[in-house]
């Protein structure tokens, strides 16, 4: 087969690989048996070969550059003279696409083929043996290749540095790849270059979290590229294995020589997805059974569950939904611990999962007596839970106008109760929901439009009060601005926006809102109080500015290199002034935060 090898002059380089060859017309239909078509092999369109389909292949997948293909071929001149073939000895030929192991046109031809396909390719000289020719092929000669694609192995350079090369021996299912938090079940066998086996998993495999790793750093990196059921062979360079030092023998593994290259057969048998429910890794959900469909419960949904709750040592402290019937609760209503509540809204019907809940989302620092045991302070909790059913809270667009109005009133009152209890974050979410029910684009009749508008404004104002309590001043400004857009002289909106402006050091904007509020209500005590605080802040700001400019003037008269020193003075004084203003503004906002309406 030496005659079939390409010279170095025809090696496919990186630029050619980036050209995405093999496509003719984006919408071109599949070839029919006996049909011939030109295949463009470069972006310039100057190089192309012809392909005639002799036998259709299976499926839709085709090889890519970097893959290892196994083929039968017959190479001949246009007059039919054979110059190379694998058929005579019935020995298939294997090649790695894009590595210059064969003529350039061969690689470009293969990437158009499906498994089992047979095609006849006509290659011009520049895609064949060129001006040099080869044994049995004259210079500048057109050649033909009849090729049967038997199979191929996908090859992936996982770290893009040759450190971990993955050869896909058997493709997996659609599920995957796993993430850092997921729990995987794998089987592997590890060999050295000389074939010595140094590690083998038990027949049933080993289970671990991807982030925790297993054997060497390369395994979790490879697993995060695999799908369930996938089998691969890994060639691992020392930097991703045991490096220049190697590894001493342990109870589990023998010693690994320094600078060892590892050959690993790896199978991802299965994995259980682990969801970071709260984004801070303090409530984790390991999915045991996926559940039905794609819908999950939402905030305000009525959910039906059963669970067994345990401490980390396995002590069961509570069981719900078994002998006495399923447990039913409404999400986002604090009817169960926060971790269980937050996890429930992520679950599908019939989903089974294990929840790991840290004390912040459990019972905190207090001891709690439950049905079967006492939960000690600061306990991490384990819940084995099944979502039996749920009824989602109606979305606004699913309601009639009257239902929208009633829901908005109800959510607003729930928000008011939460505000009085100091639960400002949850109260703000209630006001947001209430405002959504009476959104500006919602279809309401003229007879209730005035009531709807007042309710909407009230929700925005109350939401702004929550944002002030939570120090979310930009959100407070946004909500108050919505009110001012529809009620230009709404005193509460102007007052609360002025509070937020003071906290963000926008004194001019705060002054403007205070003036407008006093124009609408000249005797408002709260607005006058905040005006007094504003004047104090402005006076302190003016005083700092005067001191700054005085220092600048003194430096100018004393030192010719004033530019550098003036810059230093400005920075120091400015920072000190900013700290003073922040302290004063905190006093203003805390002392004058109003209740909801």
Protein backbone atom coordinates (compact mmCIF):
# COMPACT_ATOMS: atom_id res chain seq x y z
CA UNK A 1 0.00 0.00 0.00
CA UNK A 2 3.03 2.26 -0.05
CA UNK A 3 2.10 3.40 -3.54
CA UNK A 4 -1.12 4.80 -2.17
CA UNK A 5 0.51 6.97 0.51
CA UNK A 6 0.58 10.72 -0.05
CA UNK A 7 3.80 12.69 -0.33
CA UNK A 8 4.46 15.42 2.25
CA UNK A 9 3.54 17.99 -0.44
CA UNK A 10 -0.07 16.84 -0.26
CA UNK A 11 -0.44 16.66 3.53
CA UNK A 12 -3.64 18.37 4.74
CA UNK A 13 -2.66 21.36 6.87
CA UNK A 14 -4.61 23.26 9.52
CA UNK A 15 -5.83 25.92 7.08
CA UNK A 16 -7.48 23.29 4.91
CA UNK A 17 -9.14 21.69 7.95
CA UNK A 18 -10.78 25.00 8.79
CA UNK A 19 -12.45 25.25 5.39
CA UNK A 20 -15.23 22.72 6.17
CA UNK A 21 -14.81 20.82 2.88
CA UNK A 22 -17.19 18.32 1.44
CA UNK A 23 -20.28 20.51 1.05
CA UNK A 24 -21.57 21.40 -2.41
CA UNK A 25 -24.82 23.26 -1.99
CA UNK A 26 -26.37 23.59 1.46
CA UNK A 27 -29.75 22.37 0.26
CA UNK A 28 -28.46 19.66 -2.12
CA UNK A 29 -30.50 16.43 -1.87
CA UNK A 30 -28.78 13.10 -1.05
CA UNK A 31 -27.15 11.30 -3.94
CA UNK A 32 -29.07 8.49 -5.59
CA UNK A 33 -27.40 5.26 -6.69
CA UNK A 34 -25.68 5.86 -10.03
CA UNK A 35 -25.81 9.65 -9.66
CA UNK A 36 -22.58 11.69 -9.82
CA UNK A 37 -21.84 15.08 -8.25
CA UNK A 38 -18.90 17.45 -7.84
CA UNK A 39 -17.58 17.92 -4.29
CA UNK A 40 -15.80 21.20 -3.55
CA UNK A 41 -12.78 20.65 -1.28
CA UNK A 42 -11.62 24.24 -0.65
CA UNK A 43 -13.26 27.57 0.13
CA UNK A 44 -11.82 29.04 -3.08
CA UNK A 45 -13.76 26.47 -5.10
CA UNK A 46 -10.68 25.78 -7.27
CA UNK A 47 -10.27 22.18 -6.08
CA UNK A 48 -13.05 19.65 -6.46
CA UNK A 49 -13.51 15.95 -6.96
CA UNK A 50 -16.40 13.92 -8.35
CA UNK A 51 -18.40 11.37 -6.38
CA UNK A 52 -20.62 8.65 -7.89
CA UNK A 53 -22.74 6.66 -5.44
CA UNK A 54 -22.60 2.89 -5.99
CA UNK A 55 -24.22 1.66 -2.75
CA UNK A 56 -25.99 3.74 -0.08
CA UNK A 57 -24.74 3.66 3.51
CA UNK A 58 -26.47 3.36 6.88
CA UNK A 59 -27.71 6.24 9.00
CA UNK A 60 -26.66 9.87 8.67
CA UNK A 61 -23.33 10.12 10.52
CA UNK A 62 -20.12 10.72 8.56
CA UNK A 63 -16.47 10.76 9.73
CA UNK A 64 -14.60 13.98 10.56
CA UNK A 65 -10.96 14.99 10.25
CA UNK A 66 -9.03 13.37 13.08
CA UNK A 67 -11.13 10.18 13.02
CA UNK A 68 -9.59 6.79 12.32
CA UNK A 69 -11.34 5.13 9.36
CA UNK A 70 -11.23 1.57 8.03
CA UNK A 71 -11.94 1.10 4.31
CA UNK A 72 -11.59 -1.12 1.30
CA UNK A 73 -10.47 0.66 -1.86
CA UNK A 74 -9.47 0.07 -5.46
CA UNK A 75 -7.25 2.72 -7.09
CA UNK A 76 -7.18 2.93 -10.88
CA UNK A 77 -6.39 5.22 -13.80
CA UNK A 78 -9.13 6.58 -16.05
CA UNK A 79 -8.48 3.75 -18.57
CA UNK A 80 -9.21 1.18 -15.84
CA UNK A 81 -5.62 0.21 -15.04
CA UNK A 82 -5.37 -0.70 -11.33
CA UNK A 83 -2.42 0.69 -9.40
CA UNK A 84 -3.40 -0.28 -5.81
CA UNK A 85 -6.14 -2.25 -4.03
CA UNK A 86 -7.03 -3.83 -0.68
CA UNK A 87 -9.52 -6.23 -2.24
CA UNK A 88 -6.95 -8.74 -3.55
CA UNK A 89 -5.77 -9.73 -0.07
CA UNK A 90 -9.05 -8.83 1.62
CA UNK A 91 -7.15 -6.68 4.15
CA UNK A 92 -8.95 -3.40 4.93
CA UNK A 93 -6.83 -0.24 5.16
CA UNK A 94 -6.92 2.07 8.21
CA UNK A 95 -6.01 5.75 8.19
CA UNK A 96 -6.33 8.84 10.37
CA UNK A 97 -8.08 11.54 8.40
CA UNK A 98 -6.28 14.85 7.93
CA UNK A 99 -2.81 13.61 8.85
CA UNK A 100 -1.31 13.25 5.37
CA UNK A 101 -1.29 9.46 5.49
CA UNK A 102 -3.01 9.26 2.08
CA UNK A 103 -3.57 11.57 -0.87
CA UNK A 104 -5.51 14.74 -0.01
CA UNK A 105 -8.53 13.84 -2.13
CA UNK A 106 -8.97 10.55 -0.27
CA UNK A 107 -9.53 12.34 3.06
CA UNK A 108 -11.98 14.80 1.50
CA UNK A 109 -13.85 11.92 -0.13
CA UNK A 110 -14.20 9.88 3.08
CA UNK A 111 -15.83 12.70 5.07
CA UNK A 112 -18.80 12.61 2.66
CA UNK A 113 -19.50 8.89 3.27
CA UNK A 114 -21.79 6.95 5.61
CA UNK A 115 -21.03 3.61 7.20
CA UNK A 116 -21.29 0.76 4.64
CA UNK A 117 -21.41 3.15 1.68
CA UNK A 118 -19.54 2.38 -1.57
CA UNK A 119 -18.70 5.24 -3.94
CA UNK A 120 -16.48 5.96 -6.92
CA UNK A 121 -14.39 9.13 -6.63
CA UNK A 122 -12.60 10.88 -9.51
CA UNK A 123 -9.63 12.96 -8.28
CA UNK A 124 -7.83 15.64 -10.29
CA UNK A 125 -3.99 15.64 -10.10
CA UNK A 126 -3.83 18.31 -7.38
CA UNK A 127 -5.92 16.07 -5.09
CA UNK A 128 -4.08 12.89 -6.14
CA UNK A 129 -0.38 12.42 -6.88
CA UNK A 130 0.19 15.81 -8.55
CA UNK A 131 3.12 16.61 -10.81
CA UNK A 132 5.30 13.97 -9.14
CA UNK A 133 3.16 10.91 -9.70
CA UNK A 134 3.76 7.60 -7.90
CA UNK A 135 4.35 3.91 -8.55
CA UNK A 136 1.92 3.08 -11.32
CA UNK A 137 0.53 6.64 -11.55
CA UNK A 138 2.07 9.00 -14.14
CA UNK A 139 2.64 12.71 -13.32
CA UNK A 140 -0.39 15.04 -13.61
CA UNK A 141 -2.75 12.10 -13.91
CA UNK A 142 -6.45 11.93 -12.98
CA UNK A 143 -7.16 8.88 -10.79
CA UNK A 144 -10.28 7.03 -9.61
CA UNK A 145 -10.86 5.48 -6.17
CA UNK A 146 -13.64 3.02 -5.46
CA UNK A 147 -14.05 3.18 -1.70
CA UNK A 148 -16.14 1.19 0.81
CA UNK A 149 -16.35 2.81 4.27
CA UNK A 150 -16.38 -0.14 6.66
CA UNK A 151 -16.22 1.74 9.98
CA UNK A 152 -14.53 4.57 11.83
CA UNK A 153 -13.46 5.54 15.31
CA UNK A 154 -14.01 9.10 16.51
CA UNK A 155 -10.82 10.60 17.94
CA UNK A 156 -10.94 13.60 20.29
CA UNK A 157 -8.06 15.65 21.68
CA UNK A 158 -9.79 16.46 24.98
CA UNK A 159 -7.42 19.15 26.28
CA UNK A 160 -6.33 20.39 22.82
CA UNK A 161 -2.69 19.75 23.69
CA UNK A 162 -2.36 16.04 22.95
CA UNK A 163 -2.36 15.25 26.66
CA UNK A 164 -5.55 13.13 26.62
CA UNK A 165 -6.52 11.47 23.34
CA UNK A 166 -9.94 9.79 23.37
CA UNK A 167 -10.89 7.15 20.82
CA UNK A 168 -14.62 6.36 20.85
CA UNK A 169 -14.93 2.59 20.60
CA UNK A 170 -18.69 2.46 21.17
CA UNK A 171 -21.07 5.39 21.08
CA UNK A 172 -23.40 6.05 23.99
CA UNK A 173 -26.97 7.20 24.38
CA UNK A 174 -28.27 10.78 24.18
CA UNK A 175 -28.02 11.25 27.97
CA UNK A 176 -24.97 13.24 28.98
CA UNK A 177 -22.32 14.34 29.35
CA UNK A 178 -22.19 14.46 33.16
CA UNK A 179 -21.17 17.59 35.06
CA UNK A 180 -18.87 18.15 38.01
CA UNK A 181 -21.56 17.49 40.62
CA UNK A 182 -23.00 14.37 38.98
CA UNK A 183 -22.49 10.89 40.39
CA UNK A 184 -21.13 8.45 37.80
CA UNK A 185 -20.83 4.67 37.63
CA UNK A 186 -17.80 3.67 35.55
CA UNK A 187 -15.69 0.69 34.63
CA UNK A 188 -12.05 0.97 33.58
CA UNK A 189 -8.82 -0.90 33.06
CA UNK A 190 -5.47 0.92 33.12
CA UNK A 191 -2.31 -0.36 31.39
CA UNK A 192 1.25 0.89 30.99
CA UNK A 193 3.02 1.12 27.63
CA UNK A 194 4.39 -2.40 28.07
CA UNK A 195 0.86 -3.79 28.51
CA UNK A 196 1.14 -4.32 32.27
CA UNK A 197 -2.28 -3.89 33.93
CA UNK A 198 -2.05 -1.57 36.94
CA UNK A 199 -5.71 -0.92 37.79
CA UNK A 200 -9.06 -2.60 37.11
CA UNK A 201 -12.45 -1.79 38.59
CA UNK A 202 -14.70 -4.51 40.05
CA UNK A 203 -17.17 -6.15 37.68
CA UNK A 204 -19.97 -3.86 38.90
CA UNK A 205 -17.80 -0.74 38.42
CA UNK A 206 -17.09 2.12 40.83
CA UNK A 207 -19.31 5.06 41.72
CA UNK A 208 -18.09 8.59 42.53
CA UNK A 209 -18.85 12.27 41.97
CA UNK A 210 -17.05 13.65 38.93
CA UNK A 211 -15.61 16.59 40.88
CA UNK A 212 -14.06 14.19 43.41
CA UNK A 213 -12.09 12.41 40.67
CA UNK A 214 -10.89 8.82 40.47
CA UNK A 215 -7.45 7.26 39.93
CA UNK A 216 -5.87 10.21 38.02
CA UNK A 217 -6.85 13.75 36.85
CA UNK A 218 -7.52 12.59 33.28
CA UNK A 219 -10.56 10.47 34.17
CA UNK A 220 -12.94 13.26 35.24
CA UNK A 221 -11.83 15.35 32.25
CA UNK A 222 -12.66 12.50 29.89
CA UNK A 223 -15.94 11.66 31.63
CA UNK A 224 -17.19 15.21 31.08
CA UNK A 225 -17.01 14.54 27.31
CA UNK A 226 -18.85 11.19 27.41
CA UNK A 227 -22.44 10.00 27.21
CA UNK A 228 -24.20 7.21 29.07
CA UNK A 229 -23.08 3.81 27.76
CA UNK A 230 -20.11 5.23 25.83
CA UNK A 231 -16.91 3.17 25.72
CA UNK A 232 -13.58 4.81 24.94
CA UNK A 233 -9.87 4.21 24.87
CA UNK A 234 -7.70 6.95 26.41
CA UNK A 235 -4.01 7.63 25.80
CA UNK A 236 -2.96 9.78 28.75
CA UNK A 237 0.34 11.65 28.84
CA UNK A 238 2.20 11.96 32.18
CA UNK A 239 1.09 15.55 32.89
CA UNK A 240 -2.51 14.31 33.20
CA UNK A 241 -1.56 11.10 35.00
CA UNK A 242 1.20 10.86 37.65
CA UNK A 243 3.77 13.24 36.17
CA UNK A 244 7.53 13.02 36.50
CA UNK A 245 7.36 11.60 40.01
CA UNK A 246 5.12 8.62 39.35
CA UNK A 247 3.19 7.13 42.27
CA UNK A 248 4.00 4.83 45.17
CA UNK A 249 2.02 1.64 45.67
CA UNK A 250 -1.07 1.75 47.86
CA UNK A 251 -3.60 -0.78 49.14
CA UNK A 252 -5.68 -0.04 46.05
CA UNK A 253 -3.10 0.46 43.26
CA UNK A 254 0.48 -0.69 42.51
CA UNK A 255 3.33 1.81 42.02
CA UNK A 256 3.36 3.88 38.83
CA UNK A 257 6.79 4.52 37.24
CA UNK A 258 7.82 8.15 36.60
CA UNK A 259 6.72 9.76 33.31
CA UNK A 260 4.33 6.90 32.53
CA UNK A 261 1.95 7.11 29.57
CA UNK A 262 -1.30 5.36 30.47
CA UNK A 263 -3.62 3.40 28.20
CA UNK A 264 -7.14 3.29 29.67
CA UNK A 265 -10.27 1.47 28.54
CA UNK A 266 -13.13 3.44 30.10
CA UNK A 267 -16.90 2.91 30.10
CA UNK A 268 -19.48 5.35 31.47
CA UNK A 269 -22.08 2.82 32.61
CA UNK A 270 -24.56 5.38 33.95
CA UNK A 271 -24.78 8.58 35.93
CA UNK A 272 -27.16 10.38 38.27
CA UNK A 273 -27.49 14.13 37.59
CA UNK A 274 -26.93 16.34 40.62
CA UNK A 275 -28.60 19.78 40.55
CA UNK A 276 -27.32 22.77 42.50
CA UNK A 277 -30.80 23.95 43.53
CA UNK A 278 -29.82 27.15 45.34
CA UNK A 279 -26.72 28.08 43.26
CA UNK A 280 -24.60 28.07 46.42
CA UNK A 281 -24.25 24.26 46.69
CA UNK A 282 -26.19 24.25 49.96
CA UNK A 283 -29.15 22.35 48.53
CA UNK A 284 -28.16 19.57 46.13
CA UNK A 285 -30.61 17.30 44.32
CA UNK A 286 -29.40 13.93 43.02
CA UNK A 287 -31.93 12.59 40.50
CA UNK A 288 -32.58 8.86 40.88
CA UNK A 289 -35.46 8.69 38.40
CA UNK A 290 -36.07 11.44 35.83
CA UNK A 291 -39.85 11.66 36.13
CA UNK A 292 -42.43 12.30 33.43
CA UNK A 293 -42.48 14.96 30.72
CA UNK A 294 -40.69 18.29 30.88
CA UNK A 295 -42.91 20.36 33.21
CA UNK A 296 -41.86 21.07 36.78
CA UNK A 297 -43.76 22.54 39.69
CA UNK A 298 -43.58 26.32 40.19
CA UNK A 299 -43.81 28.80 43.04
CA UNK A 300 -47.34 28.71 44.40
CA UNK A 301 -47.98 25.17 43.11
CA UNK A 302 -49.85 22.61 45.22
CA UNK A 303 -47.45 19.65 45.38
CA UNK A 304 -48.02 16.10 46.63
CA UNK A 305 -44.92 14.25 47.83
CA UNK A 306 -43.65 11.49 50.04
CA UNK A 307 -40.26 11.42 51.66
CA UNK A 308 -37.97 9.87 54.24
CA UNK A 309 -35.81 12.41 56.08
CA UNK A 310 -32.53 11.40 57.69
CA UNK A 311 -29.46 12.78 59.37
CA UNK A 312 -26.08 12.24 57.72
CA UNK A 313 -25.50 9.13 59.87
CA UNK A 314 -28.68 7.55 58.50
CA UNK A 315 -30.93 8.25 61.52
CA UNK A 316 -34.50 8.67 60.27
CA UNK A 317 -36.21 11.63 61.96
CA UNK A 318 -39.31 11.98 59.77
CA UNK A 319 -41.37 10.03 57.22
CA UNK A 320 -44.23 11.67 55.36
CA UNK A 321 -46.65 10.47 52.69
CA UNK A 322 -46.63 6.73 53.41
CA UNK A 323 -48.99 5.18 55.98
CA UNK A 324 -51.00 8.36 56.57
CA UNK A 325 -51.26 9.23 52.87
CA UNK A 326 -49.29 11.69 50.69
CA UNK A 327 -48.07 15.03 52.07
CA UNK A 328 -49.52 18.10 50.36
CA UNK A 329 -48.16 21.64 50.63
CA UNK A 330 -48.02 24.90 48.67
CA UNK A 331 -44.58 25.94 47.50
CA UNK A 332 -43.12 29.33 48.45
CA UNK A 333 -45.40 29.57 51.49
CA UNK A 334 -42.89 28.40 54.16
CA UNK A 335 -45.01 25.34 54.94
CA UNK A 336 -41.89 23.12 54.91
CA UNK A 337 -38.18 23.82 55.41
CA UNK A 338 -36.63 26.14 52.81
CA UNK A 339 -34.43 23.48 51.19
CA UNK A 340 -37.35 21.12 50.59
CA UNK A 341 -39.47 24.02 49.34
CA UNK A 342 -36.81 25.20 46.87
CA UNK A 343 -36.14 21.67 45.59
CA UNK A 344 -39.83 20.87 45.07
CA UNK A 345 -40.26 23.57 42.40
CA UNK A 346 -37.54 21.91 40.29
CA UNK A 347 -39.15 18.46 40.22
CA UNK A 348 -41.21 16.68 37.56
CA UNK A 349 -44.13 14.36 38.25
CA UNK A 350 -42.95 10.90 39.41
CA UNK A 351 -39.39 12.18 39.80
CA UNK A 352 -37.39 10.53 42.58
CA UNK A 353 -34.40 12.26 44.11
CA UNK A 354 -32.11 12.54 47.11
CA UNK A 355 -31.77 16.03 48.60
CA UNK A 356 -28.77 17.12 50.65
CA UNK A 357 -29.76 20.21 52.65
CA UNK A 358 -27.31 22.22 54.76
CA UNK A 359 -28.45 23.88 58.03
CA UNK A 360 -29.01 27.28 56.36
CA UNK A 361 -31.89 25.75 54.39
CA UNK A 362 -32.90 23.23 57.08
CA UNK A 363 -33.52 23.80 60.78
CA UNK A 364 -30.58 26.13 61.33
CA UNK A 365 -28.86 26.32 64.69
CA UNK A 366 -31.80 25.10 66.79
CA UNK A 367 -32.62 21.55 67.87
CA UNK A 368 -35.97 20.32 66.52
CA UNK A 369 -38.01 17.40 67.83
CA UNK A 370 -39.54 15.47 64.92
CA UNK A 371 -41.70 12.32 64.66
CA UNK A 372 -38.91 9.75 65.02
CA UNK A 373 -35.88 11.61 66.39
CA UNK A 374 -34.49 14.96 67.47
CA UNK A 375 -32.58 16.91 64.85
CA UNK A 376 -29.47 18.38 66.52
CA UNK A 377 -28.46 22.01 65.88
CA UNK A 378 -26.59 22.76 62.62
CA UNK A 379 -27.52 19.42 61.06
CA UNK A 380 -27.17 18.60 57.38
CA UNK A 381 -30.32 16.76 56.27
CA UNK A 382 -30.86 14.01 53.70
CA UNK A 383 -34.32 13.64 52.07
CA UNK A 384 -35.28 10.71 49.86
CA UNK A 385 -38.25 12.26 48.05
CA UNK A 386 -40.72 11.40 45.30
CA UNK A 387 -42.88 14.00 43.57
CA UNK A 388 -46.21 12.21 43.24
CA UNK A 389 -48.12 15.06 41.62
CA UNK A 390 -48.48 18.82 41.47
CA UNK A 391 -50.97 21.42 40.29
CA UNK A 392 -49.22 24.53 39.05
CA UNK A 393 -50.49 27.92 40.07
CA UNK A 394 -52.43 29.49 37.23
CA UNK A 395 -50.42 31.87 35.07
CA UNK A 396 -51.97 35.33 34.47
CA UNK A 397 -52.79 34.57 30.82
CA UNK A 398 -54.81 31.53 31.91
CA UNK A 399 -57.18 33.66 34.03
CA UNK A 400 -60.24 35.76 33.35
CA UNK A 401 -60.07 39.47 34.12
CA UNK A 402 -61.96 38.99 37.38
CA UNK A 403 -59.63 36.14 38.42
CA UNK A 404 -56.62 38.34 37.67
CA UNK A 405 -57.97 41.14 39.83
CA UNK A 406 -58.77 38.83 42.74
CA UNK A 407 -55.36 37.11 42.51
CA UNK A 408 -53.57 40.49 42.49
CA UNK A 409 -55.45 41.66 45.60
CA UNK A 410 -54.69 38.39 47.36
CA UNK A 411 -50.98 38.46 46.52
CA UNK A 412 -50.71 42.08 47.63
CA UNK A 413 -52.25 41.29 51.01
CA UNK A 414 -49.93 38.32 51.42
CA UNK A 415 -47.04 40.68 50.67
CA UNK A 416 -48.23 43.16 53.29
CA UNK A 417 -48.28 40.44 55.96
CA UNK A 418 -44.78 39.34 55.04
CA UNK A 419 -43.54 42.95 55.10
CA UNK A 420 -44.89 43.41 58.62
CA UNK A 421 -43.02 40.25 59.66
CA UNK A 422 -39.79 41.66 58.22
CA UNK A 423 -39.66 39.11 55.35
CA UNK A 424 -38.88 41.70 52.71
CA UNK A 425 -37.50 39.41 49.99
CA UNK A 426 -40.59 37.19 49.99
CA UNK A 427 -42.85 40.24 50.30
CA UNK A 428 -41.23 41.78 47.23
CA UNK A 429 -41.86 38.60 45.23
CA UNK A 430 -45.56 38.73 46.21
CA UNK A 431 -45.82 42.35 45.04
CA UNK A 432 -44.12 41.43 41.76
CA UNK A 433 -46.63 38.62 41.19
CA UNK A 434 -49.54 40.89 42.04
CA UNK A 435 -48.31 43.50 39.55
CA UNK A 436 -47.99 40.80 36.85
CA UNK A 437 -51.66 39.87 37.29
CA UNK A 438 -52.69 43.48 36.53
CA UNK A 439 -50.04 44.17 33.89
CA UNK A 440 -50.58 47.19 31.61
CA UNK A 441 -51.23 44.93 28.61
CA UNK A 442 -53.86 42.81 30.41
CA UNK A 443 -57.42 43.13 29.03
CA UNK A 444 -59.54 44.93 31.64
CA UNK A 445 -62.82 46.74 31.04
CA UNK A 446 -63.20 50.50 31.42
CA UNK A 447 -65.35 50.00 34.52
CA UNK A 448 -62.41 48.59 36.54
CA UNK A 449 -59.49 50.33 34.84
CA UNK A 450 -59.18 52.94 37.59
CA UNK A 451 -59.11 50.24 40.27
CA UNK A 452 -56.57 48.21 38.30
CA UNK A 453 -54.29 51.20 37.86
CA UNK A 454 -54.38 52.00 41.59
CA UNK A 455 -53.60 48.39 42.46
CA UNK A 456 -50.68 48.30 40.04
CA UNK A 457 -49.22 51.54 41.45
CA UNK A 458 -49.65 50.25 45.01
CA UNK A 459 -47.72 47.06 44.18
CA UNK A 460 -44.86 49.03 42.62
CA UNK A 461 -44.65 51.33 45.62
CA UNK A 462 -44.66 48.44 48.09
CA UNK A 463 -42.07 46.61 46.03
CA UNK A 464 -39.87 49.73 46.17
CA UNK A 465 -40.23 49.77 49.98
CA UNK A 466 -38.99 46.16 50.08
CA UNK A 467 -36.05 47.01 47.81
CA UNK A 468 -35.04 49.88 50.11
CA UNK A 469 -35.08 47.53 53.09
CA UNK A 470 -32.91 45.07 51.14
CA UNK A 471 -30.51 47.85 50.00
CA UNK A 472 -31.39 47.13 46.36
CA UNK A 473 -31.50 50.82 45.44
CA UNK A 474 -31.47 50.40 41.65
CA UNK A 475 -34.57 48.19 41.84
CA UNK A 476 -36.26 50.77 44.10
CA UNK A 477 -35.46 53.51 41.57
CA UNK A 478 -36.85 51.37 38.73
CA UNK A 479 -40.15 50.65 40.52
CA UNK A 480 -40.65 54.26 41.64
CA UNK A 481 -39.92 55.47 38.12
CA UNK A 482 -42.73 53.23 36.84
CA UNK A 483 -45.10 55.00 39.23
CA UNK A 484 -43.85 58.48 38.28
CA UNK A 485 -44.36 57.64 34.60
CA UNK A 486 -48.10 57.26 35.20
CA UNK A 487 -48.53 59.62 38.19
CA UNK A 488 -46.10 62.49 37.78
CA UNK A 489 -46.60 63.94 41.28
CA UNK A 490 -47.00 60.75 43.31
CA UNK A 491 -45.44 61.84 46.60
CA UNK A 492 -44.61 58.34 47.88
CA UNK A 493 -42.86 57.40 44.64
CA UNK A 494 -40.84 60.63 44.60
CA UNK A 495 -39.99 60.25 48.30
CA UNK A 496 -38.82 56.63 47.99
CA UNK A 497 -36.88 57.33 44.82
CA UNK A 498 -35.18 60.25 46.58
CA UNK A 499 -34.19 57.86 49.39
CA UNK A 500 -32.61 55.52 46.85
CA UNK A 501 -30.82 58.42 45.12
CA UNK A 502 -29.37 59.53 48.45
CA UNK A 503 -28.01 56.03 49.04
CA UNK A 504 -26.40 56.00 45.58
CA UNK A 505 -24.94 59.51 46.16
CA UNK A 506 -27.02 61.07 43.35
CA UNK A 507 -27.71 64.23 45.37
CA UNK A 508 -28.93 66.34 42.44
CA UNK A 509 -31.51 63.74 41.43
CA UNK A 510 -32.60 63.35 45.04
CA UNK A 511 -33.01 67.14 45.33
CA UNK A 512 -35.15 67.20 42.17
CA UNK A 513 -37.51 64.50 43.50
CA UNK A 514 -37.79 66.21 46.91
CA UNK A 515 -38.74 69.52 45.27
CA UNK A 516 -41.44 67.81 43.18
CA UNK A 517 -42.80 66.00 46.24
CA UNK A 518 -43.02 69.26 48.24
CA UNK A 519 -44.76 70.98 45.33
CA UNK A 520 -47.44 68.29 45.51
CA UNK A 521 -47.56 68.15 49.34
CA UNK A 522 -45.79 71.17 50.95
CA UNK A 523 -46.47 70.00 54.53
CA UNK A 524 -45.36 66.37 54.22
CA UNK A 525 -43.29 65.71 57.35
CA UNK A 526 -41.30 62.77 55.98
CA UNK A 527 -40.32 64.64 52.83
CA UNK A 528 -39.23 67.66 54.90
CA UNK A 529 -37.10 65.41 57.09
CA UNK A 530 -35.32 63.88 54.11
CA UNK A 531 -34.87 67.41 52.69
CA UNK A 532 -33.12 68.41 55.92
CA UNK A 533 -30.81 65.41 55.66
CA UNK A 534 -30.12 66.23 52.01
CA UNK A 535 -29.07 69.77 52.90
CA UNK A 536 -26.71 68.41 55.55
CA UNK A 537 -25.13 66.06 53.03
CA UNK A 538 -24.82 68.84 50.45
CA UNK A 539 -23.14 71.11 53.02
CA UNK A 540 -20.66 68.39 53.91
CA UNK A 541 -19.99 67.76 50.25
CA UNK A 542 -19.39 71.47 49.60
CA UNK A 543 -17.07 71.62 52.60
CA UNK A 544 -15.02 68.71 51.30
CA UNK A 545 -14.83 70.26 47.85
CA UNK A 546 -13.66 73.58 49.31
CA UNK A 547 -10.95 71.84 51.33
CA UNK A 548 -9.88 69.87 48.27
CA UNK A 549 -9.52 72.96 46.10
CA UNK A 550 -7.67 74.83 48.89
CA UNK A 551 -5.14 72.01 49.15
CA UNK A 552 -4.75 71.98 45.39
CA UNK A 553 -4.06 75.74 45.39
CA UNK A 554 -1.45 75.45 48.16
CA UNK A 555 0.36 72.68 46.31
CA UNK A 556 0.34 74.71 43.10
CA UNK A 557 2.12 77.65 44.75
CA UNK A 558 4.66 75.52 46.65
CA UNK A 559 5.68 72.77 44.29
CA UNK A 560 6.38 72.93 40.56
CA UNK A 561 5.62 69.22 40.28
CA UNK A 562 2.05 69.95 41.36
CA UNK A 563 0.41 67.67 38.83
CA UNK A 564 1.49 64.46 40.52
CA UNK A 565 0.83 65.63 44.07
CA UNK A 566 -2.55 67.13 43.24
CA UNK A 567 -3.66 63.81 41.85
CA UNK A 568 -2.68 62.10 45.11
CA UNK A 569 -4.53 64.67 47.23
CA UNK A 570 -7.68 64.27 45.15
CA UNK A 571 -7.67 60.53 45.57
CA UNK A 572 -7.14 60.55 49.32
CA UNK A 573 -9.64 63.30 50.07
CA UNK A 574 -12.19 61.95 47.66
CA UNK A 575 -12.09 58.50 49.24
CA UNK A 576 -12.43 59.95 52.74
CA UNK A 577 -15.37 62.08 51.62
CA UNK A 578 -17.10 59.10 50.05
CA UNK A 579 -16.87 57.17 53.33
CA UNK A 580 -18.41 60.02 55.31
CA UNK A 581 -21.28 60.37 52.85
CA UNK A 582 -22.01 56.65 52.93
CA UNK A 583 -22.35 56.72 56.71
CA UNK A 584 -24.69 59.68 56.66
CA UNK A 585 -26.87 58.28 53.92
CA UNK A 586 -27.31 55.00 55.79
CA UNK A 587 -28.73 56.96 58.72
CA UNK A 588 -31.22 58.72 56.43
CA UNK A 589 -32.57 55.58 54.78
CA UNK A 590 -32.90 53.51 57.96
CA UNK A 591 -34.63 56.20 59.95
CA UNK A 592 -37.15 57.07 57.26
CA UNK A 593 -38.11 53.74 55.60
CA UNK A 594 -41.96 53.73 55.31
CA UNK A 595 -44.38 50.80 55.62
CA UNK A 596 -46.23 49.37 52.60
CA UNK A 597 -49.54 50.77 51.41
